[in-house]
Protein backbone atom coordinates (compact mmCIF):
# COMPACT_ATOMS: atom_id res chain seq x y z
CA MET A 1 26.16 33.77 -0.81
CA ASN A 2 22.87 34.24 0.37
CA ALA A 3 22.04 32.23 3.64
CA GLN A 4 19.01 30.89 1.71
CA LEU A 5 21.06 29.46 -1.61
CA GLN A 6 23.81 27.79 0.41
CA PRO A 7 24.04 24.03 0.33
CA THR A 8 22.51 21.79 2.89
CA GLY A 9 24.63 18.60 2.12
CA SER A 10 21.69 16.80 0.48
CA ALA A 11 21.20 16.49 -3.05
CA TYR A 12 17.85 18.02 -2.97
CA PHE A 13 19.99 21.43 -3.05
CA ILE A 14 21.08 20.86 -6.78
CA ALA A 15 17.52 20.77 -8.25
CA LYS A 16 16.09 23.57 -10.06
CA GLU A 17 13.53 25.54 -8.10
CA THR A 18 10.46 25.15 -10.41
CA GLU A 19 10.76 21.10 -10.06
CA LYS A 20 8.60 19.81 -7.17
CA PRO A 21 9.63 17.07 -5.24
CA GLU A 22 7.40 13.65 -5.74
CA ASN A 23 7.40 10.15 -4.40
CA HIS A 24 8.65 7.48 -6.95
CA THR A 25 8.92 3.66 -6.73
CA LEU A 26 11.85 2.19 -8.21
CA SER A 27 12.14 -1.82 -8.92
CA VAL A 28 15.85 -2.81 -8.86
CA LEU A 29 16.87 -6.43 -10.16
CA VAL A 30 20.44 -7.35 -8.47
CA ASP A 31 22.53 -10.57 -7.83
CA ASN A 32 21.47 -11.72 -4.57
CA GLU A 33 24.91 -12.01 -2.81
CA PRO A 34 26.30 -10.39 0.23
CA GLY A 35 27.13 -6.64 0.33
CA VAL A 36 24.93 -5.63 -2.53
CA LEU A 37 21.98 -4.19 -0.16
CA ALA A 38 24.36 -2.29 1.49
CA ARG A 39 25.83 -0.66 -1.62
CA VAL A 40 22.65 0.51 -2.90
CA ILE A 41 21.85 2.13 0.28
CA GLY A 42 25.14 3.35 0.76
CA LEU A 43 24.37 5.20 -2.64
CA PHE A 44 21.37 6.80 -0.91
CA SER A 45 23.09 7.80 2.35
CA GLY A 46 26.08 9.05 0.82
CA ARG A 47 24.46 11.68 -1.79
CA GLY A 48 21.60 13.09 1.05
CA TYR A 49 18.61 10.96 -0.81
CA ASN A 50 16.34 9.69 1.67
CA ILE A 51 14.31 6.21 1.56
CA GLU A 52 10.86 6.08 2.57
CA SER A 53 10.20 2.43 1.95
CA LEU A 54 12.74 -0.57 1.14
CA THR A 55 11.82 -3.98 0.67
CA VAL A 56 13.81 -6.68 -0.71
CA SER A 57 13.83 -10.50 -1.50
CA GLU A 58 15.12 -13.27 -3.94
CA THR A 59 12.56 -13.62 -6.69
CA GLU A 60 14.49 -15.92 -9.27
CA HIS A 61 16.04 -18.32 -6.84
CA GLU A 62 17.55 -20.53 -10.18
CA LYS A 63 19.63 -17.36 -11.01
CA HIS A 64 19.67 -15.94 -7.74
CA LEU A 65 18.25 -12.50 -8.45
CA SER A 66 16.57 -10.12 -5.71
CA ARG A 67 14.45 -7.49 -6.23
CA ILE A 68 14.98 -4.19 -4.34
CA THR A 69 11.75 -1.99 -4.10
CA ILE A 70 12.32 1.47 -3.14
CA VAL A 71 10.04 4.46 -2.78
CA THR A 72 11.93 7.49 -2.60
CA ARG A 73 10.94 11.36 -2.87
CA GLY A 74 12.67 13.85 -4.80
CA THR A 75 12.47 16.14 -8.08
CA PRO A 76 12.31 14.57 -11.66
CA HIS A 77 15.95 15.83 -11.99
CA VAL A 78 17.21 14.09 -8.65
CA LEU A 79 15.12 10.85 -9.35
CA GLU A 80 17.16 10.51 -12.91
CA GLN A 81 20.29 10.96 -11.53
CA ILE A 82 19.35 8.40 -8.59
CA LYS A 83 18.28 5.98 -11.31
CA HIS A 84 21.47 6.45 -13.49
CA GLN A 85 23.56 6.00 -10.14
CA LEU A 86 22.17 2.89 -9.41
CA GLU A 87 22.69 1.63 -12.91
CA ARG A 88 26.29 1.65 -12.57
CA ILE A 89 26.45 -0.57 -9.40
CA VAL A 90 28.39 -3.56 -10.87
CA PRO A 91 25.57 -6.51 -9.48
CA VAL A 92 22.27 -4.01 -10.51
CA HIS A 93 20.97 -5.78 -13.40
CA ARG A 94 17.82 -3.39 -14.41
CA VAL A 95 16.33 -0.29 -12.63
CA VAL A 96 12.92 0.53 -13.63
CA ASP A 97 11.20 3.89 -12.11
CA LEU A 98 7.69 2.17 -11.68
CA THR A 99 5.69 5.42 -11.20
CA VAL A 100 7.56 6.53 -14.64
CA MET A 101 6.71 3.30 -16.31
CA ALA A 102 3.25 3.49 -15.29
CA GLN A 103 2.79 6.77 -16.81
CA GLU A 104 4.38 6.02 -19.81
CA LEU A 105 1.94 3.27 -19.97
CA GLY A 106 -1.18 5.20 -18.96
CA THR A 107 -2.05 2.34 -16.40
CA GLY A 108 -2.75 4.75 -13.52
CA GLY A 109 0.07 3.91 -11.48
CA ALA A 110 1.82 0.87 -10.26
CA LEU A 111 -0.08 -1.51 -7.96
CA GLU A 112 1.64 -0.89 -4.51
CA ARG A 113 0.72 -3.34 -1.42
CA GLU A 114 2.37 -3.21 2.05
CA LEU A 115 1.67 -5.51 4.89
CA ALA A 116 1.11 -4.14 8.54
CA LEU A 117 1.07 -6.05 11.98
CA VAL A 118 -0.61 -3.75 14.45
CA LYS A 119 -1.11 -4.42 18.14
CA VAL A 120 -3.97 -3.00 20.29
CA SER A 121 -4.77 -3.03 23.83
CA GLY A 122 -8.15 -2.28 25.38
CA THR A 123 -11.23 -3.56 26.97
CA GLY A 124 -14.89 -2.97 27.08
CA ASP A 125 -16.13 -0.60 24.33
CA ALA A 126 -12.54 0.08 23.04
CA ARG A 127 -12.07 -3.35 22.36
CA VAL A 128 -15.63 -3.83 20.78
CA GLU A 129 -14.70 -0.95 18.46
CA ALA A 130 -11.33 -1.82 17.49
CA LEU A 131 -13.22 -5.22 16.10
CA ARG A 132 -15.79 -3.66 14.49
CA LEU A 133 -12.89 -1.21 12.77
CA ALA A 134 -10.71 -4.13 11.83
CA ASP A 135 -13.41 -5.52 9.96
CA ALA A 136 -14.36 -2.47 8.27
CA PHE A 137 -10.61 -2.45 6.99
CA ARG A 138 -10.64 -6.08 6.08
CA ALA A 139 -8.04 -6.67 8.69
CA LYS A 140 -7.85 -10.54 10.39
CA VAL A 141 -7.22 -11.03 13.78
CA ILE A 142 -3.96 -13.16 13.94
CA ASP A 143 -3.70 -13.38 17.44
CA ALA A 144 -5.59 -12.28 20.76
CA ASN A 145 -6.44 -12.62 24.43
CA THR A 146 -8.44 -10.72 26.73
CA GLU A 147 -6.00 -8.01 26.71
CA HIS A 148 -4.87 -7.13 23.31
CA PHE A 149 -5.37 -8.04 19.69
CA ILE A 150 -3.15 -7.96 16.80
CA PHE A 151 -4.15 -7.31 13.39
CA GLU A 152 -2.76 -8.50 10.13
CA LEU A 153 -3.61 -5.76 7.37
CA THR A 154 -2.56 -5.70 4.01
CA GLY A 155 -3.29 -2.73 1.31
CA LYS A 156 -1.97 0.40 0.35
CA VAL A 157 0.25 2.70 2.17
CA SER A 158 -2.63 5.30 2.54
CA LYS A 159 -4.86 2.54 4.02
CA ILE A 160 -2.40 1.23 6.89
CA GLU A 161 -1.79 4.56 7.76
CA GLN A 162 -5.65 5.34 8.19
CA PHE A 163 -5.91 2.02 10.19
CA ILE A 164 -3.06 3.11 12.30
CA ALA A 165 -4.32 6.60 13.13
CA ILE A 166 -8.07 5.17 13.77
CA MET A 167 -6.50 2.55 16.22
CA LYS A 168 -4.04 5.02 18.08
CA PRO A 169 -6.99 6.58 20.72
CA LEU A 170 -8.39 2.61 21.12
CA GLY A 171 -5.18 1.70 22.30
CA LEU A 172 -2.46 1.25 19.60
CA VAL A 173 0.75 -0.15 21.16
CA GLU A 174 2.89 -1.33 18.50
CA VAL A 175 3.30 -1.65 14.76
CA CYS A 176 5.51 -3.58 12.23
CA ARG A 177 5.43 -2.56 8.64
CA THR A 178 6.75 -4.50 5.82
CA GLY A 179 7.46 -1.59 3.07
CA VAL A 180 6.03 -1.33 -0.17
CA ALA A 181 5.98 -4.53 -2.63
CA ALA A 182 5.24 -2.93 -6.20
CA MET A 183 4.35 -4.05 -9.66
CA ASN A 184 3.36 -2.36 -13.00
CA ARG A 185 0.26 -3.40 -14.48
CA GLY A 186 0.08 -5.26 -18.04
CA PRO A 187 1.40 -8.27 -19.60
CA GLN A 188 5.39 -7.36 -19.75
CA GLY A 189 7.95 -7.76 -16.81
CA MET A 190 10.12 -5.61 -15.32
């Protein structure tokens, strides 16, 4: 077997060479019970799929249902496999590929937002510049003293990443991100 064609231990190997990997956002409605998240994550790790972002929270308290939002990367073939495998897990009620649904509805993509807490330390001009840029990004100061700021920023992943990159030379200390929360446009639900 040619060294270039040997399996890598990842599911990406089985994809057709003409398909290009792309990011998709999956929304998974599950029972809110112990072990469900571990089973969903186990499906990804056991098959060599990568998770770019993961968010989970109970969304329907009376029905004890949680929504798991997963951003993953793969070819269309691999992404379809992931969706079908998720649907077979017992406490999973519904799996929706928000990226595909948005394309089918012609809505220009799912609404995706992330929250980040960004700690920046600095004095003098760097401190003034950090405050000025935070204002331009509509970041809120949620904690401050004479040595640091903690900014709260909400927006698209690209906005968060750009803000972090800009803060690095100004004294970036620490970042905490929630992961993507996503929902499709329009009147219909998941």
